[in-house]
C-alpha atoms as a PDB file:
ATOM      1  CA  MET A   1     -11.527   7.228  -8.168  1.00  0.00           C
ATOM      2  CA  SER A   2      -9.606  10.476  -8.538  1.00  0.00           C
ATOM      3  CA  THR A   3      -7.044  11.614 -11.063  1.00  0.00           C
ATOM      4  CA  CYS A   4      -4.076  13.496  -9.625  1.00  0.00           C
ATOM      5  CA  THR A   5      -0.729  14.774 -10.749  1.00  0.00           C
ATOM      6  CA  ALA A   6       1.867  12.588  -9.054  1.00  0.00           C
ATOM      7  CA  LEU A   7       5.628  12.625  -8.718  1.00  0.00           C
ATOM      8  CA  ILE A   8       6.866   9.117  -9.443  1.00  0.00           C
ATOM      9  CA  ILE A   9      10.369   8.305  -8.228  1.00  0.00           C
ATOM     10  CA  PRO A  10      11.694   4.913  -9.355  1.00  0.00           C
ATOM     11  CA  ALA A  11      14.238   3.224  -7.093  1.00  0.00           C
ATOM     12  CA  ASP A  12      16.310   2.366 -10.166  1.00  0.00           C
ATOM     13  CA  LEU A  13      18.568   5.383 -10.717  1.00  0.00           C
ATOM     14  CA  ASN A  14      18.654   4.594 -14.447  1.00  0.00           C
ATOM     15  CA  GLU A  15      14.921   5.375 -14.684  1.00  0.00           C
ATOM     16  CA  PRO A  16      14.038   9.078 -14.613  1.00  0.00           C
ATOM     17  CA  ALA A  17      11.795  10.571 -11.958  1.00  0.00           C
ATOM     18  CA  ARG A  18       8.684  11.900 -13.620  1.00  0.00           C
ATOM     19  CA  MET A  19       5.479  13.848 -13.269  1.00  0.00           C
ATOM     20  CA  GLU A  20       2.430  11.898 -14.367  1.00  0.00           C
ATOM     21  CA  SER A  21      -1.334  12.183 -14.214  1.00  0.00           C
ATOM     22  CA  ILE A  22      -2.517   9.009 -12.483  1.00  0.00           C
ATOM     23  CA  ASP A  23      -5.607   7.341 -11.119  1.00  0.00           C
ATOM     24  CA  ALA A  24      -4.952   7.650  -7.375  1.00  0.00           C
ATOM     25  CA  GLY A  25      -7.075   4.619  -6.505  1.00  0.00           C
ATOM     26  CA  LEU A  26      -5.685   1.796  -4.385  1.00  0.00           C
ATOM     27  CA  ASP A  27      -5.331  -0.719  -7.224  1.00  0.00           C
ATOM     28  CA  ASN A  28      -3.283   1.644  -9.372  1.00  0.00           C
ATOM     29  CA  LEU A  29      -1.083   2.753  -6.460  1.00  0.00           C
ATOM     30  CA  GLN A  30      -0.363  -0.900  -5.684  1.00  0.00           C
ATOM     31  CA  THR A  31       0.540  -1.479  -9.327  1.00  0.00           C
ATOM     32  CA  LEU A  32       2.924   1.481  -9.341  1.00  0.00           C
ATOM     33  CA  VAL A  33       4.753   0.344  -6.179  1.00  0.00           C
ATOM     34  CA  GLU A  34       4.501  -3.352  -7.100  1.00  0.00           C
ATOM     35  CA  GLY A  35       2.704  -4.521  -3.967  1.00  0.00           C
ATOM     36  CA  ASN A  36       0.762  -3.459  -0.909  1.00  0.00           C
ATOM     37  CA  ILE A  37       1.228   0.190  -0.053  1.00  0.00           C
ATOM     38  CA  GLU A  38       2.667   1.940   2.965  1.00  0.00           C
ATOM     39  CA  ALA A  39       2.246   5.697   3.423  1.00  0.00           C
ATOM     40  CA  VAL A  40       4.793   8.267   4.591  1.00  0.00           C
ATOM     41  CA  SER A  41       3.372  11.731   5.349  1.00  0.00           C
ATOM     42  CA  GLY A  42       4.594  15.306   5.405  1.00  0.00           C
ATOM     43  CA  ASP A  43       2.686  18.537   6.040  1.00  0.00           C
ATOM     44  CA  ASP A  44       0.744  18.798   2.781  1.00  0.00           C
ATOM     45  CA  TRP A  45       1.962  15.682   0.995  1.00  0.00           C
ATOM     46  CA  HIS A  46       2.418  11.961   1.379  1.00  0.00           C
ATOM     47  CA  PHE A  47       3.976   9.209  -0.592  1.00  0.00           C
ATOM     48  CA  TYR A  48       3.332   5.552  -1.113  1.00  0.00           C
ATOM     49  CA  LEU A  49       5.835   2.750  -1.375  1.00  0.00           C
ATOM     50  CA  ASN A  50       5.824  -1.024  -1.159  1.00  0.00           C
ATOM     51  CA  GLU A  51       5.244  -1.980   2.488  1.00  0.00           C
ATOM     52  CA  GLU A  52       7.441  -5.069   2.068  1.00  0.00           C
ATOM     53  CA  GLY A  53      10.188  -3.302   0.125  1.00  0.00           C
ATOM     54  CA  LYS A  54      12.916  -4.008   2.656  1.00  0.00           C
ATOM     55  CA  ILE A  55      11.811  -7.605   3.275  1.00  0.00           C
ATOM     56  CA  ARG A  56      11.686  -8.320  -0.472  1.00  0.00           C
ATOM     57  CA  GLY A  57      15.110  -6.751  -1.001  1.00  0.00           C
ATOM     58  CA  LEU A  58      13.915  -3.946  -3.274  1.00  0.00           C
ATOM     59  CA  ASP A  59      16.535  -1.332  -4.093  1.00  0.00           C
ATOM     60  CA  PRO A  60      16.763   1.637  -1.709  1.00  0.00           C
ATOM     61  CA  ASN A  61      15.154   4.739  -3.170  1.00  0.00           C
ATOM     62  CA  ARG A  62      17.926   7.285  -2.678  1.00  0.00           C
ATOM     63  CA  ARG A  63      16.119  10.073  -4.532  1.00  0.00           C
ATOM     64  CA  ALA A  64      12.989   9.713  -2.382  1.00  0.00           C
ATOM     65  CA  ALA A  65      15.158   9.750   0.744  1.00  0.00           C
ATOM     66  CA  LEU A  66      16.949  12.893  -0.452  1.00  0.00           C
ATOM     67  CA  LEU A  67      13.618  14.584  -1.189  1.00  0.00           C
ATOM     68  CA  VAL A  68      12.293  13.773   2.304  1.00  0.00           C
ATOM     69  CA  LEU A  69      15.518  14.931   3.955  1.00  0.00           C
ATOM     70  CA  GLU A  70      15.525  18.229   2.077  1.00  0.00           C
ATOM     71  CA  ALA A  71      11.775  18.815   2.556  1.00  0.00           C
ATOM     72  CA  THR A  72      11.646  17.997   6.265  1.00  0.00           C
ATOM     73  CA  GLY A  73      15.200  18.239   7.596  1.00  0.00           C
ATOM     74  CA  ALA A  74      14.987  14.667   8.927  1.00  0.00           C
ATOM     75  CA  LEU A  75      15.163  11.132   7.628  1.00  0.00           C
ATOM     76  CA  PHE A  76      13.655   8.387   9.755  1.00  0.00           C
ATOM     77  CA  ASP A  77      13.776   5.316   7.528  1.00  0.00           C
ATOM     78  CA  VAL A  78      15.241   3.661   4.464  1.00  0.00           C
ATOM     79  CA  TYR A  79      12.688   3.708   1.658  1.00  0.00           C
ATOM     80  CA  CYS A  80      12.867   0.776  -0.757  1.00  0.00           C
ATOM     81  CA  GLY A  81      11.206   0.403  -4.130  1.00  0.00           C
ATOM     82  CA  ASN A  82       9.315   2.864  -6.290  1.00  0.00           C
ATOM     83  CA  VAL A  83       7.674   5.868  -4.645  1.00  0.00           C
ATOM     84  CA  VAL A  84       4.522   7.758  -5.683  1.00  0.00           C
ATOM     85  CA  VAL A  85       4.228  11.257  -4.175  1.00  0.00           C
ATOM     86  CA  LEU A  86       0.826  12.959  -3.956  1.00  0.00           C
ATOM     87  CA  GLY A  87      -0.628  15.979  -2.228  1.00  0.00           C
ATOM     88  CA  GLU A  88      -3.510  16.202   0.188  1.00  0.00           C
ATOM     89  CA  THR A  89      -6.711  18.176  -0.134  1.00  0.00           C
ATOM     90  CA  PRO A  90      -8.009  20.101   2.904  1.00  0.00           C
ATOM     91  CA  ASP A  91     -10.460  17.276   3.608  1.00  0.00           C
ATOM     92  CA  GLY A  92      -7.721  14.609   3.483  1.00  0.00           C
ATOM     93  CA  ASP A  93      -8.339  13.199   0.007  1.00  0.00           C
ATOM     94  CA  GLU A  94      -5.639  12.522  -2.578  1.00  0.00           C
ATOM     95  CA  GLY A  95      -4.538  15.653  -4.406  1.00  0.00           C
ATOM     96  CA  ASP A  96      -1.920  16.915  -6.833  1.00  0.00           C
ATOM     97  CA  VAL A  97       1.659  16.852  -5.590  1.00  0.00           C
ATOM     98  CA  PRO A  98       2.457  20.312  -4.141  1.00  0.00           C
ATOM     99  CA  GLU A  99       4.449  22.728  -6.303  1.00  0.00           C
ATOM    100  CA  HIS A 100       7.157  23.149  -3.660  1.00  0.00           C
ATOM    101  CA  LEU A 101       7.956  19.410  -3.870  1.00  0.00           C
ATOM    102  CA  ILE A 102       7.973  19.523  -7.672  1.00  0.00           C
ATOM    103  CA  ASP A 103      10.409  22.453  -7.557  1.00  0.00           C
ATOM    104  CA  LEU A 104      12.594  20.694  -4.989  1.00  0.00           C
ATOM    105  CA  ALA A 105      12.637  17.439  -6.970  1.00  0.00           C
ATOM    106  CA  GLN A 106      13.550  19.361 -10.124  1.00  0.00           C
ATOM    107  CA  GLN A 107      16.474  21.001  -8.326  1.00  0.00           C
ATOM    108  CA  LEU A 108      17.691  17.771  -6.715  1.00  0.00           C
ATOM    109  CA  PHE A 109      17.431  15.256  -9.531  1.00  0.00           C
ATOM    110  CA  GLY A 110      15.469  16.662 -12.467  1.00  0.00           C
ATOM    111  CA  LEU A 111      12.084  15.521 -13.716  1.00  0.00           C
ATOM    112  CA  ARG A 112      10.562  14.265 -16.891  1.00  0.00           C
ATOM    113  CA  GLU A 113       7.001  15.233 -17.801  1.00  0.00           C
ATOM    114  CA  THR A 114       4.916  12.455 -19.305  1.00  0.00           C
ATOM    115  CA  THR A 115       1.877  12.874 -21.478  1.00  0.00           C
ATOM    116  CA  PRO A 116      -1.187  10.704 -21.040  1.00  0.00           C
END
């Protein structure tokens, strides 16, 4: 079990995106995305979402899509449901979300910092 700083982006636009210290274990990630997880990866980051989000009719996550588009220059899918963004350590373990994604998210849609 590892504790990491995550960027949590709810699909519901009425809920603020936030930075939060989380347990990055499978059970907690599944709780945060409300189901089995699917991973989407970038260079030094990845995010998790509900693997059945489209099938279950979860709301599209427009903020997560915007973040991916701005970070990578491409968008290959529609992401549905809540998204949890983490970083990657050099050995491939879960790590804190990279600063450049935090800065980008702040510029695009603002963030709220939560306290444990």
